[in-house]
Amino acid sequence: ACKWSPELAAACEIWKAIKFEFEPVDKLDK
């Protein structure tokens, strides 16, 4: 999915990292 441009690829990587960081916190919060 993240292959249109370097900017979008970088944003996708950051978004995946953010999801990876906050998903466990979200589960613990519930």
PDB file of N, CA and C in Angstrom:
ATOM      1  N   ALA A   1       0.825  -1.215   0.000  1.00  0.00           N
ATOM      2  CA  ALA A   1       0.000   0.000   0.000  1.00  0.00           C
ATOM      3  C   ALA A   1       0.860   1.266   0.000  1.00  0.00           C
ATOM      4  N   CYS A   2       1.987   1.240   0.688  1.00  0.00           N
ATOM      5  CA  CYS A   2       2.754   2.479   0.920  1.00  0.00           C
ATOM      6  C   CYS A   2       3.853   2.637  -0.128  1.00  0.00           C
ATOM      7  N   LYS A   3       3.489   2.686  -1.384  1.00  0.00           N
ATOM      8  CA  LYS A   3       4.521   2.713  -2.427  1.00  0.00           C
ATOM      9  C   LYS A   3       4.351   3.872  -3.401  1.00  0.00           C
ATOM     10  N   TRP A   4       3.499   4.850  -3.085  1.00  0.00           N
ATOM     11  CA  TRP A   4       3.254   5.933  -4.044  1.00  0.00           C
ATOM     12  C   TRP A   4       4.417   6.915  -4.080  1.00  0.00           C
ATOM     13  N   SER A   5       4.955   7.259  -2.926  1.00  0.00           N
ATOM     14  CA  SER A   5       6.023   8.262  -2.885  1.00  0.00           C
ATOM     15  C   SER A   5       6.788   8.120  -1.583  1.00  0.00           C
ATOM     16  N   PRO A   6       8.005   8.623  -1.506  1.00  0.00           N
ATOM     17  CA  PRO A   6       8.774   8.561  -0.252  1.00  0.00           C
ATOM     18  C   PRO A   6       8.036   9.221   0.899  1.00  0.00           C
ATOM     19  N   GLU A   7       7.344  10.324   0.625  1.00  0.00           N
ATOM     20  CA  GLU A   7       6.627  11.015   1.705  1.00  0.00           C
ATOM     21  C   GLU A   7       5.520  10.124   2.265  1.00  0.00           C
ATOM     22  N   LEU A   8       4.726   9.535   1.370  1.00  0.00           N
ATOM     23  CA  LEU A   8       3.638   8.684   1.840  1.00  0.00           C
ATOM     24  C   LEU A   8       4.177   7.427   2.505  1.00  0.00           C
ATOM     25  N   ALA A   9       5.253   6.876   1.968  1.00  0.00           N
ATOM     26  CA  ALA A   9       5.842   5.686   2.578  1.00  0.00           C
ATOM     27  C   ALA A   9       6.329   5.997   3.989  1.00  0.00           C
ATOM     28  N   ALA A  10       6.969   7.152   4.157  1.00  0.00           N
ATOM     29  CA  ALA A  10       7.452   7.542   5.478  1.00  0.00           C
ATOM     30  C   ALA A  10       6.280   7.762   6.423  1.00  0.00           C
ATOM     31  N   ALA A  11       5.228   8.415   5.946  1.00  0.00           N
ATOM     32  CA  ALA A  11       4.054   8.650   6.790  1.00  0.00           C
ATOM     33  C   ALA A  11       3.422   7.322   7.194  1.00  0.00           C
ATOM     34  N   CYS A  12       3.400   6.373   6.264  1.00  0.00           N
ATOM     35  CA  CYS A  12       2.833   5.061   6.566  1.00  0.00           C
ATOM     36  C   CYS A  12       3.661   4.355   7.634  1.00  0.00           C
ATOM     37  N   GLU A  13       4.983   4.431   7.517  1.00  0.00           N
ATOM     38  CA  GLU A  13       5.849   3.811   8.523  1.00  0.00           C
ATOM     39  C   GLU A  13       5.624   4.446   9.891  1.00  0.00           C
ATOM     40  N   ILE A  14       5.500   5.774   9.918  1.00  0.00           N
ATOM     41  CA  ILE A  14       5.263   6.468  11.191  1.00  0.00           C
ATOM     42  C   ILE A  14       3.919   6.034  11.768  1.00  0.00           C
ATOM     43  N   TRP A  15       2.896   5.953  10.917  1.00  0.00           N
ATOM     44  CA  TRP A  15       1.562   5.568  11.386  1.00  0.00           C
ATOM     45  C   TRP A  15       1.590   4.147  11.955  1.00  0.00           C
ATOM     46  N   LYS A  16       2.294   3.241  11.280  1.00  0.00           N
ATOM     47  CA  LYS A  16       2.395   1.869  11.789  1.00  0.00           C
ATOM     48  C   LYS A  16       3.119   1.857  13.128  1.00  0.00           C
ATOM     49  N   ALA A  17       4.150   2.689  13.264  1.00  0.00           N
ATOM     50  CA  ALA A  17       4.875   2.754  14.531  1.00  0.00           C
ATOM     51  C   ALA A  17       3.975   3.309  15.628  1.00  0.00           C
ATOM     52  N   ILE A  18       3.184   4.327  15.306  1.00  0.00           N
ATOM     53  CA  ILE A  18       2.270   4.908  16.297  1.00  0.00           C
ATOM     54  C   ILE A  18       1.241   3.860  16.715  1.00  0.00           C
ATOM     55  N   LYS A  19       0.657   3.153  15.752  1.00  0.00           N
ATOM     56  CA  LYS A  19      -0.320   2.123  16.085  1.00  0.00           C
ATOM     57  C   LYS A  19       0.323   1.052  16.960  1.00  0.00           C
ATOM     58  N   PHE A  20       1.559   0.661  16.622  1.00  0.00           N
ATOM     59  CA  PHE A  20       2.251  -0.362  17.388  1.00  0.00           C
ATOM     60  C   PHE A  20       2.506   0.103  18.819  1.00  0.00           C
ATOM     61  N   GLU A  21       2.828   1.394  18.991  1.00  0.00           N
ATOM     62  CA  GLU A  21       3.108   1.923  20.325  1.00  0.00           C
ATOM     63  C   GLU A  21       1.836   2.026  21.165  1.00  0.00           C
ATOM     64  N   PHE A  22       0.723   2.446  20.554  1.00  0.00           N
ATOM     65  CA  PHE A  22      -0.461   2.779  21.347  1.00  0.00           C
ATOM     66  C   PHE A  22      -1.480   1.651  21.432  1.00  0.00           C
ATOM     67  N   GLU A  23      -1.380   0.649  20.578  1.00  0.00           N
ATOM     68  CA  GLU A  23      -2.358  -0.432  20.626  1.00  0.00           C
ATOM     69  C   GLU A  23      -2.337  -1.163  21.970  1.00  0.00           C
ATOM     70  N   PRO A  24      -1.171  -1.547  22.510  1.00  0.00           N
ATOM     71  CA  PRO A  24      -1.162  -2.203  23.827  1.00  0.00           C
ATOM     72  C   PRO A  24      -1.705  -1.302  24.925  1.00  0.00           C
ATOM     73  N   VAL A  25      -1.420  -0.009  24.848  1.00  0.00           N
ATOM     74  CA  VAL A  25      -1.932   0.927  25.846  1.00  0.00           C
ATOM     75  C   VAL A  25      -3.447   0.973  25.771  1.00  0.00           C
ATOM     76  N   ASP A  26      -3.987   0.983  24.553  1.00  0.00           N
ATOM     77  CA  ASP A  26      -5.430   1.024  24.365  1.00  0.00           C
ATOM     78  C   ASP A  26      -6.073  -0.228  24.958  1.00  0.00           C
ATOM     79  N   LYS A  27      -5.441  -1.388  24.774  1.00  0.00           N
ATOM     80  CA  LYS A  27      -5.995  -2.626  25.314  1.00  0.00           C
ATOM     81  C   LYS A  27      -5.931  -2.619  26.840  1.00  0.00           C
ATOM     82  N   LEU A  28      -4.837  -2.122  27.395  1.00  0.00           N
ATOM     83  CA  LEU A  28      -4.720  -2.070  28.848  1.00  0.00           C
ATOM     84  C   LEU A  28      -5.730  -1.088  29.436  1.00  0.00           C
ATOM     85  N   ASP A  29      -5.990   0.001  28.710  1.00  0.00           N
ATOM     86  CA  ASP A  29      -6.911   1.015  29.198  1.00  0.00           C
ATOM     87  C   ASP A  29      -8.328   0.461  29.297  1.00  0.00           C
ATOM     88  N   LYS A  30      -8.671  -0.498  28.434  1.00  0.00           N
ATOM     89  CA  LYS A  30     -10.005  -1.083  28.466  1.00  0.00           C
ATOM     90  C   LYS A  30     -10.029  -2.281  29.407  1.00  0.00           C
TER      91      LYS A  30
END
